[in-house]
Amino acid sequence: MKPKYGRVMRLLLLLISIGIFTGIILISFGILSSYQNSSAGIGMESLYIPMIGIILLFLSYTIAMFIRRPKKKILHTFSIEKCNNCNYTEIRDFKKGDYVYKETDRCECGGLRYVDLIYAIETEVGERAETIPS
C-alpha cells in the first residue's frame, strides 16, 4: 500500500530537503573559504557561513523528527466459545480451522462448547487487543 501524503506533508518534506542540501553546501563553502584564508588568519567572518549551515541542518533534522509516520495496523482475531447447556462463555485467540458453531470440547457441566462468535480488532503493531465486542 502506497502512503498518502497531503500538501502540507509534501511541503514539509521539500523544506527539509532544501534545508539539508543548503546546510551541507554552506558548511562546505565555509570550510573551503576558511581554508583559503588560513594564511591571513581565521576571522569571525569566515565562521558565520558554516554556523548558518549547521543551524539549517539542525532545524531540518528537528522538523523531520516531528513528522508523524503512519503506524502499521494489524488485526488480532478472537473466538468466543459458549456452552449450549450452562451458557459459560470464554474468549480465546482464534485458532486455524475455527468457524462459527464448530464444536470444540466438553464443558465442565457436561454440555458441548461451540464457537459462538469470531471477531477481529485492529491494533497497532506491538499492542495487544483485550476488548470484548458489544
Protein backbone atom coordinates (compact mmCIF):
# COMPACT_ATOMS: atom_id res chain seq x y z
CA MET A 1 0.00 0.00 0.00
CA LYS A 2 1.40 3.38 -1.02
CA PRO A 3 1.49 6.03 1.73
CA LYS A 4 -0.64 9.09 1.02
CA TYR A 5 0.81 12.48 1.81
CA GLY A 6 -1.13 15.70 1.87
CA ARG A 7 0.06 19.03 0.55
CA VAL A 8 1.41 20.08 3.94
CA MET A 9 3.42 16.88 4.30
CA ARG A 10 4.92 17.26 0.83
CA LEU A 11 5.78 20.90 1.57
CA LEU A 12 7.48 19.91 4.83
CA LEU A 13 9.48 17.20 3.08
CA LEU A 14 10.53 19.70 0.42
CA LEU A 15 11.60 22.24 3.07
CA ILE A 16 13.58 19.56 4.93
CA SER A 17 15.34 18.52 1.73
CA ILE A 18 16.17 22.12 0.82
CA GLY A 19 17.40 22.80 4.37
CA ILE A 20 19.69 19.78 4.40
CA PHE A 21 21.06 20.49 0.92
CA THR A 22 21.64 24.18 1.68
CA GLY A 23 23.17 23.40 5.06
CA ILE A 24 25.69 20.99 3.55
CA ILE A 25 26.62 23.49 0.82
CA LEU A 26 27.06 26.32 3.36
CA ILE A 27 29.22 24.17 5.62
CA SER A 28 31.36 23.07 2.67
CA PHE A 29 31.67 26.63 1.40
CA GLY A 30 32.59 27.90 4.87
CA ILE A 31 35.26 25.25 5.39
CA LEU A 32 36.70 25.92 1.94
CA SER A 33 36.80 29.70 2.47
CA SER A 34 38.38 29.36 5.92
CA TYR A 35 40.99 27.00 4.43
CA GLN A 36 41.82 29.52 1.71
CA ASN A 37 42.03 32.36 4.24
CA SER A 38 44.12 30.38 6.72
CA SER A 39 47.30 32.21 5.71
CA ALA A 40 45.75 35.54 6.67
CA GLY A 41 44.33 34.14 9.91
CA ILE A 42 40.78 32.98 10.67
CA GLY A 43 38.44 35.83 11.39
CA MET A 44 34.93 35.68 12.75
CA GLU A 45 33.51 36.43 9.31
CA SER A 46 34.66 33.06 7.96
CA LEU A 47 32.81 31.20 10.75
CA TYR A 48 29.38 32.70 10.05
CA ILE A 49 28.68 30.67 6.92
CA PRO A 50 29.40 27.21 8.44
CA MET A 51 27.40 28.14 11.55
CA ILE A 52 24.39 29.06 9.41
CA GLY A 53 24.79 25.71 7.62
CA ILE A 54 24.90 23.81 10.92
CA ILE A 55 21.80 25.65 12.16
CA LEU A 56 19.96 24.75 8.95
CA LEU A 57 20.91 21.11 9.36
CA PHE A 58 19.67 21.03 12.96
CA LEU A 59 16.41 22.78 12.04
CA SER A 60 15.83 20.32 9.18
CA TYR A 61 16.51 17.38 11.48
CA THR A 62 14.15 18.75 14.14
CA ILE A 63 11.33 19.24 11.64
CA ALA A 64 11.91 15.74 10.28
CA MET A 65 11.60 14.21 13.76
CA PHE A 66 8.22 15.85 14.34
CA ILE A 67 6.65 14.47 11.18
CA ARG A 68 4.36 11.65 12.21
CA ARG A 69 4.64 8.48 10.24
CA PRO A 70 1.54 6.32 9.93
CA LYS A 71 1.72 3.40 12.33
CA LYS A 72 1.22 -0.07 11.00
CA LYS A 73 -2.03 -1.73 11.99
CA ILE A 74 -2.68 -5.43 12.42
CA LEU A 75 -5.82 -7.44 13.04
CA HIS A 76 -5.96 -9.52 16.21
CA THR A 77 -8.62 -12.21 15.86
CA PHE A 78 -10.58 -13.77 18.74
CA SER A 79 -13.05 -16.64 19.07
CA ILE A 80 -15.81 -16.72 21.69
CA GLU A 81 -16.71 -20.19 22.90
CA LYS A 82 -20.06 -20.83 24.54
CA CYS A 83 -21.58 -23.84 26.29
CA ASN A 84 -25.01 -24.88 24.99
CA ASN A 85 -26.03 -26.12 28.44
CA CYS A 86 -24.89 -23.57 31.05
CA ASN A 87 -24.10 -20.57 28.73
CA TYR A 88 -20.48 -20.43 30.02
CA THR A 89 -18.55 -18.05 27.75
CA GLU A 90 -14.81 -17.93 27.13
CA ILE A 91 -12.82 -15.60 24.90
CA ARG A 92 -9.67 -17.04 23.37
CA ASP A 93 -7.31 -16.40 20.48
CA PHE A 94 -8.52 -17.59 17.11
CA LYS A 95 -7.17 -20.98 16.07
CA LYS A 96 -6.75 -22.05 12.47
CA GLY A 97 -9.83 -24.03 11.46
CA ASP A 98 -12.27 -22.21 13.78
CA TYR A 99 -15.68 -21.44 12.35
CA VAL A 100 -18.98 -20.36 13.88
CA TYR A 101 -20.92 -23.23 15.54
CA LYS A 102 -17.88 -25.51 15.47
CA GLU A 103 -17.99 -27.90 18.42
CA THR A 104 -14.75 -27.58 20.35
CA ASP A 105 -14.86 -29.72 23.50
CA ARG A 106 -16.94 -30.60 26.58
CA CYS A 107 -17.78 -28.07 29.27
CA GLU A 108 -17.35 -28.81 32.99
CA CYS A 109 -21.14 -29.12 33.27
CA GLY A 110 -21.17 -31.86 30.63
CA GLY A 111 -22.58 -29.74 27.79
CA LEU A 112 -20.95 -29.14 24.44
CA ARG A 113 -18.92 -25.99 23.86
CA TYR A 114 -19.00 -24.38 20.45
CA VAL A 115 -17.57 -21.32 18.74
CA ASP A 116 -20.29 -18.68 19.03
CA LEU A 117 -18.56 -15.65 17.50
CA ILE A 118 -15.34 -14.78 15.68
CA TYR A 119 -14.21 -11.17 15.53
CA ALA A 120 -11.09 -9.10 14.91
CA ILE A 121 -9.81 -5.89 16.48
CA GLU A 122 -7.45 -3.55 14.64
CA THR A 123 -4.43 -2.71 16.79
CA GLU A 124 -1.09 -1.03 16.29
CA VAL A 125 2.00 -3.19 15.99
CA GLY A 126 3.20 -4.24 19.44
CA GLU A 127 -0.15 -3.69 21.18
CA ARG A 128 -2.39 -6.46 22.43
CA ALA A 129 -6.14 -6.13 21.90
CA GLU A 130 -8.10 -7.04 25.01
CA THR A 131 -11.59 -5.75 24.32
CA ILE A 132 -14.87 -7.61 24.08
CA PRO A 133 -17.25 -6.80 21.23
CA SER A 134 -20.57 -5.22 22.12
